[in-house]
Protein backbone atom coordinates (compact mmCIF):
# COMPACT_ATOMS: atom_id res chain seq x y z
CA MET A 1 69.78 110.47 107.50
CA ASP A 2 73.27 109.35 108.52
CA LEU A 3 75.76 108.27 105.88
CA ASP A 4 78.39 105.71 106.84
CA VAL A 5 81.22 105.99 104.36
CA GLN A 6 84.58 104.22 104.38
CA VAL A 7 87.04 106.44 102.58
CA GLU A 8 89.31 104.15 100.59
CA LEU A 9 92.66 105.60 99.61
CA ASP A 10 94.93 103.66 97.30
CA ILE A 11 98.21 102.99 99.13
CA GLN A 12 100.04 103.90 95.91
CA ASP A 13 98.76 107.45 96.44
CA ARG A 14 100.37 107.62 99.88
CA ILE A 15 104.07 107.97 100.53
CA VAL A 16 105.30 106.17 103.64
CA GLU A 17 108.39 107.59 105.32
CA VAL A 18 110.31 105.37 107.76
CA HIS A 19 113.14 106.45 110.04
CA ASP A 20 115.11 105.21 113.04
CA ALA A 21 113.55 106.38 116.32
CA ASN A 22 116.95 106.39 118.11
CA ASP A 23 115.70 103.83 120.62
CA GLY A 24 116.23 100.70 118.54
CA LYS A 25 112.78 100.98 116.96
CA TYR A 26 111.47 102.47 113.72
CA VAL A 27 108.79 105.09 113.11
CA ALA A 28 106.72 105.17 109.92
CA ALA A 29 104.45 108.02 108.87
CA THR A 30 102.09 108.65 105.98
CA GLU A 31 99.60 111.34 105.04
CA MET A 32 95.98 110.75 104.03
CA HIS A 33 94.32 113.61 102.20
CA PHE A 34 90.77 113.94 100.87
CA LEU A 35 87.87 116.35 100.43
CA SER A 36 84.49 115.65 101.99
CA LYS A 37 81.13 117.39 101.67
CA VAL A 38 79.98 119.04 104.89
CA GLU A 39 76.70 120.76 105.71
CA PRO A 40 77.09 124.40 106.83
CA GLY A 41 77.14 124.66 110.63
CA ALA A 42 77.85 120.94 111.17
CA HIS A 43 79.69 119.95 114.33
CA PHE A 44 82.94 117.99 113.99
CA VAL A 45 83.73 114.93 116.12
CA ILE A 46 87.21 113.44 115.73
CA ARG A 47 88.31 110.22 117.45
CA ASN A 48 91.98 109.59 116.86
CA ASN A 49 94.98 108.01 118.54
CA LEU A 50 96.99 107.26 115.38
CA GLY A 51 98.37 110.72 114.48
CA ASN A 52 97.23 114.27 113.70
CA ILE A 53 94.16 115.40 111.75
CA THR A 54 93.81 118.89 110.27
CA LEU A 55 90.49 120.18 108.93
CA ARG A 56 90.05 123.22 106.69
CA SER A 57 86.53 124.25 105.76
CA SER A 58 85.61 126.14 102.62
CA LYS A 59 82.69 128.28 101.48
CA ASP A 60 81.61 125.67 98.91
CA GLY A 61 80.38 123.07 101.43
CA THR A 62 83.52 120.94 101.48
CA CYS A 63 86.12 120.19 104.10
CA ASP A 64 89.77 119.53 103.28
CA VAL A 65 90.91 116.68 105.56
CA LYS A 66 94.58 115.87 106.13
CA ALA A 67 95.55 113.06 108.51
CA ILE A 68 99.12 112.18 109.49
CA ILE A 69 99.27 108.53 110.55
CA ARG A 70 102.25 107.31 112.61
CA ALA A 71 103.34 103.89 113.90
CA LYS A 72 106.34 102.64 115.87
CA ALA A 73 107.65 99.08 115.65
CA GLU A 74 110.71 96.86 116.10
CA THR A 75 111.50 96.79 112.36
CA ALA A 76 111.08 99.24 109.50
CA ALA A 77 108.90 96.72 107.63
CA GLU A 78 106.56 96.30 110.62
CA ALA A 79 106.21 100.08 111.08
CA ARG A 80 105.49 100.54 107.36
CA ALA A 81 102.89 97.74 107.37
CA MET A 82 101.12 99.29 110.37
CA VAL A 83 100.55 102.69 108.70
CA GLU A 84 99.63 101.10 105.37
CA GLN A 85 96.72 99.31 107.08
CA VAL A 86 95.02 102.50 108.28
CA GLY A 87 91.87 103.80 106.60
CA MET A 88 89.37 106.50 107.54
CA ASN A 89 85.76 106.04 108.66
CA VAL A 90 83.57 109.03 107.90
CA ASP A 91 80.03 109.21 109.26
CA SER A 92 78.11 112.39 108.50
CA SER A 93 74.66 113.86 108.78
CA LYS A 94 73.23 117.37 108.53
CA GLY A 95 74.27 118.20 112.09
CA ARG A 96 77.42 116.13 112.62
CA TYR A 97 80.62 115.17 110.84
CA TYR A 98 82.51 112.27 112.44
CA LEU A 99 86.06 111.17 111.52
CA LYS A 100 87.91 108.16 112.88
CA PRO A 101 91.09 106.55 111.55
CA VAL A 102 90.87 102.74 111.83
CA ARG A 103 93.15 99.83 111.10
CA GLN A 104 91.97 97.24 108.59
CA ASN A 105 91.67 94.71 111.40
CA GLY A 106 89.17 97.03 113.14
CA GLY A 107 91.60 98.40 115.74
CA GLN A 108 92.14 102.03 116.58
C-alpha cells in the first residue's frame, strides 16, 4: 500500500539566508530536515530541481533527510518568499521511497 504524505515544516523552524548574487539579483537558501521511516532494502527515487538533498539511512528503519532549497530573484524579499513556499512530498511503499520538493502553488 502506498502512502502519500505531505511533510509540513513550520517556516519558523527554518532559517532563510539571503545574499547578493553579484549579478544584481539575490539568492535565498533554507534547509529542510526531517526523519522518515523507510523499509529495509527500499529503493530511493528523488526528483529535484530546487537544491540538494542528502539522505542518511540508519539501522533502526529511519532515513535522515536534509534538503537545501535555493532560489534566485530580483529582490531579497522575492528570493526569500520563493524558498519559504517550498514543501516536501514523500510517497513511500515497501519497495520504494520517493522524495520531491514542491512549491505551494504546485510547481517544481
